[in-house]
């Protein structure tokens, strides 16, 4: 669950694109590592924001569930 948001995600540096993203303009997410408040996530097609910050403790189980297909649609 998200704790908070960053209105202008472009103000932060060091974003990395999801390994599932491609150069075809599809759905792309970017995450920011080592942020003190958790794991910020933004849409790479709208880098000026906003970004949603997820609790670090919940991020790994969320990514695992998405990868293995157990995350409910």
N, C-alpha and C. Protein backbone atom coordinates (compact mmCIF):
# COMPACT_ATOMS: atom_id res chain seq x y z
N UNK A 1 0.84 -1.17 0.00
CA UNK A 1 0.00 0.00 0.00
C UNK A 1 0.89 1.24 0.00
N UNK A 2 0.48 2.22 -0.70
CA UNK A 2 1.25 3.45 -0.80
C UNK A 2 1.05 4.30 0.44
N UNK A 3 2.12 4.92 0.90
CA UNK A 3 2.05 5.80 2.06
C UNK A 3 1.82 7.24 1.67
N UNK A 4 2.45 7.67 0.61
CA UNK A 4 2.36 9.08 0.21
C UNK A 4 2.78 9.23 -1.23
N UNK A 5 2.75 10.45 -1.70
CA UNK A 5 3.10 10.73 -3.10
C UNK A 5 4.09 11.88 -3.18
N UNK A 6 4.79 11.95 -4.28
CA UNK A 6 5.68 13.05 -4.61
C UNK A 6 5.04 13.77 -5.78
N UNK A 7 4.61 15.02 -5.61
CA UNK A 7 3.89 15.71 -6.69
C UNK A 7 4.70 15.88 -7.97
N UNK A 8 6.00 16.21 -7.86
CA UNK A 8 6.84 16.40 -9.03
C UNK A 8 8.03 15.45 -8.96
N UNK A 9 7.88 14.27 -9.52
CA UNK A 9 8.91 13.24 -9.43
C UNK A 9 10.18 13.61 -10.19
N UNK A 10 10.09 14.54 -11.15
CA UNK A 10 11.27 14.95 -11.91
C UNK A 10 12.29 15.65 -11.02
N UNK A 11 11.87 16.11 -9.85
CA UNK A 11 12.79 16.79 -8.94
C UNK A 11 13.81 15.83 -8.33
N UNK A 12 13.54 14.53 -8.41
CA UNK A 12 14.44 13.52 -7.86
C UNK A 12 15.28 12.92 -8.98
N UNK A 13 16.52 12.61 -8.70
CA UNK A 13 17.44 12.03 -9.69
C UNK A 13 17.74 10.58 -9.35
N UNK A 14 18.04 9.78 -10.36
CA UNK A 14 18.45 8.40 -10.15
C UNK A 14 17.40 7.36 -10.47
N UNK A 15 16.34 7.74 -11.19
CA UNK A 15 15.28 6.79 -11.54
C UNK A 15 15.83 5.70 -12.45
N UNK A 16 15.30 4.48 -12.30
CA UNK A 16 15.65 3.39 -13.22
C UNK A 16 14.37 2.77 -13.75
N UNK A 17 14.41 2.40 -15.02
CA UNK A 17 13.24 1.85 -15.68
C UNK A 17 13.10 0.36 -15.35
N UNK A 18 11.88 -0.10 -15.23
CA UNK A 18 11.60 -1.50 -14.98
C UNK A 18 12.25 -2.37 -16.05
N UNK A 19 12.74 -3.52 -15.65
CA UNK A 19 13.34 -4.45 -16.62
C UNK A 19 12.29 -5.01 -17.58
N UNK A 20 11.02 -4.84 -17.26
CA UNK A 20 9.94 -5.31 -18.14
C UNK A 20 9.55 -4.26 -19.18
N UNK A 21 10.13 -3.07 -19.09
CA UNK A 21 9.83 -2.01 -20.04
C UNK A 21 10.60 -2.24 -21.34
N UNK A 22 10.10 -1.63 -22.41
CA UNK A 22 10.80 -1.72 -23.68
C UNK A 22 10.83 -0.34 -24.34
N UNK A 23 11.39 -0.26 -25.52
CA UNK A 23 11.51 1.01 -26.23
C UNK A 23 10.33 1.25 -27.16
N UNK A 24 9.28 0.47 -27.06
CA UNK A 24 8.13 0.59 -27.95
C UNK A 24 7.05 1.52 -27.41
N UNK A 25 7.28 2.15 -26.28
CA UNK A 25 6.32 3.11 -25.73
C UNK A 25 5.19 2.48 -24.94
N UNK A 26 5.38 1.25 -24.50
CA UNK A 26 4.35 0.56 -23.73
C UNK A 26 4.30 1.07 -22.30
N UNK A 27 3.61 0.34 -21.46
CA UNK A 27 3.49 0.70 -20.05
C UNK A 27 4.85 0.55 -19.38
N UNK A 28 5.38 1.63 -18.89
CA UNK A 28 6.70 1.62 -18.28
C UNK A 28 6.67 2.26 -16.91
N UNK A 29 7.28 1.58 -15.98
CA UNK A 29 7.42 2.11 -14.63
C UNK A 29 8.88 2.40 -14.35
N UNK A 30 9.12 3.39 -13.52
CA UNK A 30 10.45 3.67 -13.04
C UNK A 30 10.41 3.69 -11.53
N UNK A 31 11.48 3.22 -10.92
CA UNK A 31 11.59 3.23 -9.46
C UNK A 31 12.85 3.98 -9.07
N UNK A 32 12.87 4.45 -7.85
CA UNK A 32 14.02 5.17 -7.32
C UNK A 32 14.53 4.40 -6.11
N UNK A 33 15.75 3.92 -6.21
CA UNK A 33 16.35 3.15 -5.11
C UNK A 33 16.88 4.07 -4.01
N UNK A 34 16.93 3.53 -2.81
CA UNK A 34 17.56 4.20 -1.65
C UNK A 34 16.93 5.53 -1.26
N UNK A 35 15.63 5.65 -1.45
CA UNK A 35 14.93 6.86 -0.99
C UNK A 35 14.59 6.65 0.49
N UNK A 36 14.79 7.65 1.34
CA UNK A 36 14.58 7.47 2.78
C UNK A 36 13.14 7.16 3.18
N UNK A 37 12.16 7.53 2.37
CA UNK A 37 10.76 7.32 2.74
C UNK A 37 10.18 6.01 2.23
N UNK A 38 10.92 5.26 1.39
CA UNK A 38 10.42 4.02 0.83
C UNK A 38 10.83 3.87 -0.62
N UNK A 39 9.93 3.33 -1.45
CA UNK A 39 10.23 3.08 -2.86
C UNK A 39 9.30 3.93 -3.73
N UNK A 40 9.80 5.05 -4.26
CA UNK A 40 9.00 5.85 -5.18
C UNK A 40 8.85 5.14 -6.53
N UNK A 41 7.65 5.22 -7.10
CA UNK A 41 7.35 4.62 -8.40
C UNK A 41 6.64 5.67 -9.25
N UNK A 42 7.05 5.80 -10.51
CA UNK A 42 6.42 6.77 -11.41
C UNK A 42 6.23 6.17 -12.79
N UNK A 43 5.39 6.80 -13.59
CA UNK A 43 5.16 6.45 -14.98
C UNK A 43 6.27 7.10 -15.80
N UNK A 44 7.03 6.29 -16.54
CA UNK A 44 8.16 6.84 -17.29
C UNK A 44 7.72 7.77 -18.41
N UNK A 45 6.46 7.66 -18.83
CA UNK A 45 5.96 8.54 -19.89
C UNK A 45 5.56 9.91 -19.34
N UNK A 46 5.51 10.04 -18.02
CA UNK A 46 5.18 11.32 -17.37
C UNK A 46 6.18 11.57 -16.24
N UNK A 47 7.45 11.75 -16.57
CA UNK A 47 8.48 11.84 -15.53
C UNK A 47 8.37 13.05 -14.61
N UNK A 48 7.57 14.03 -15.01
CA UNK A 48 7.41 15.20 -14.16
C UNK A 48 6.49 14.92 -12.98
N UNK A 49 5.97 13.74 -12.91
CA UNK A 49 5.26 13.33 -11.71
C UNK A 49 3.78 13.18 -11.90
N UNK A 50 3.13 12.71 -10.93
CA UNK A 50 3.58 12.39 -9.58
C UNK A 50 4.19 10.98 -9.48
N UNK A 51 4.77 10.72 -8.33
CA UNK A 51 5.25 9.38 -8.00
C UNK A 51 4.57 8.95 -6.70
N UNK A 52 4.32 7.68 -6.60
CA UNK A 52 3.73 7.11 -5.39
C UNK A 52 4.85 6.44 -4.61
N UNK A 53 4.88 6.64 -3.30
CA UNK A 53 5.91 6.03 -2.47
C UNK A 53 5.31 4.83 -1.73
N UNK A 54 5.89 3.66 -1.96
CA UNK A 54 5.48 2.43 -1.28
C UNK A 54 6.41 2.16 -0.12
N UNK A 55 5.88 1.57 0.94
CA UNK A 55 6.71 1.15 2.07
C UNK A 55 7.72 0.12 1.57
N UNK A 56 8.95 0.24 2.03
CA UNK A 56 10.00 -0.70 1.62
C UNK A 56 9.64 -2.14 1.97
N UNK A 57 9.05 -2.35 3.13
CA UNK A 57 8.71 -3.70 3.57
C UNK A 57 7.66 -4.36 2.68
N UNK A 58 6.83 -3.58 2.01
CA UNK A 58 5.81 -4.14 1.14
C UNK A 58 6.21 -4.24 -0.31
N UNK A 59 7.30 -3.58 -0.70
CA UNK A 59 7.69 -3.53 -2.11
C UNK A 59 8.11 -4.89 -2.64
N UNK A 60 9.00 -5.59 -1.95
CA UNK A 60 9.50 -6.88 -2.43
C UNK A 60 8.37 -7.91 -2.57
N UNK A 61 7.48 -8.06 -1.58
CA UNK A 61 6.38 -9.01 -1.77
C UNK A 61 5.46 -8.61 -2.93
N UNK A 62 5.26 -7.32 -3.16
CA UNK A 62 4.44 -6.85 -4.27
C UNK A 62 5.08 -7.25 -5.61
N UNK A 63 6.36 -6.97 -5.77
CA UNK A 63 7.06 -7.30 -7.02
C UNK A 63 7.05 -8.82 -7.24
N UNK A 64 7.28 -9.58 -6.19
CA UNK A 64 7.26 -11.04 -6.31
C UNK A 64 5.90 -11.53 -6.77
N UNK A 65 4.83 -10.98 -6.20
CA UNK A 65 3.47 -11.39 -6.58
C UNK A 65 3.17 -11.04 -8.03
N UNK A 66 3.63 -9.89 -8.49
CA UNK A 66 3.41 -9.50 -9.88
C UNK A 66 4.17 -10.45 -10.82
N UNK A 67 5.43 -10.75 -10.49
CA UNK A 67 6.25 -11.62 -11.33
C UNK A 67 5.69 -13.04 -11.43
N UNK A 68 5.17 -13.56 -10.32
CA UNK A 68 4.71 -14.95 -10.36
C UNK A 68 3.22 -15.08 -10.71
N UNK A 69 2.58 -13.94 -10.99
CA UNK A 69 1.19 -13.96 -11.44
C UNK A 69 0.16 -14.12 -10.35
N UNK A 70 0.57 -14.02 -9.09
CA UNK A 70 -0.40 -14.20 -8.00
C UNK A 70 -1.03 -12.89 -7.55
N UNK A 71 -0.60 -11.77 -8.11
CA UNK A 71 -1.22 -10.48 -7.77
C UNK A 71 -2.58 -10.40 -8.44
N UNK A 72 -3.65 -10.13 -7.68
CA UNK A 72 -4.98 -10.11 -8.28
C UNK A 72 -5.13 -8.96 -9.28
N UNK A 73 -5.78 -9.24 -10.38
CA UNK A 73 -5.97 -8.23 -11.43
C UNK A 73 -7.12 -7.31 -11.08
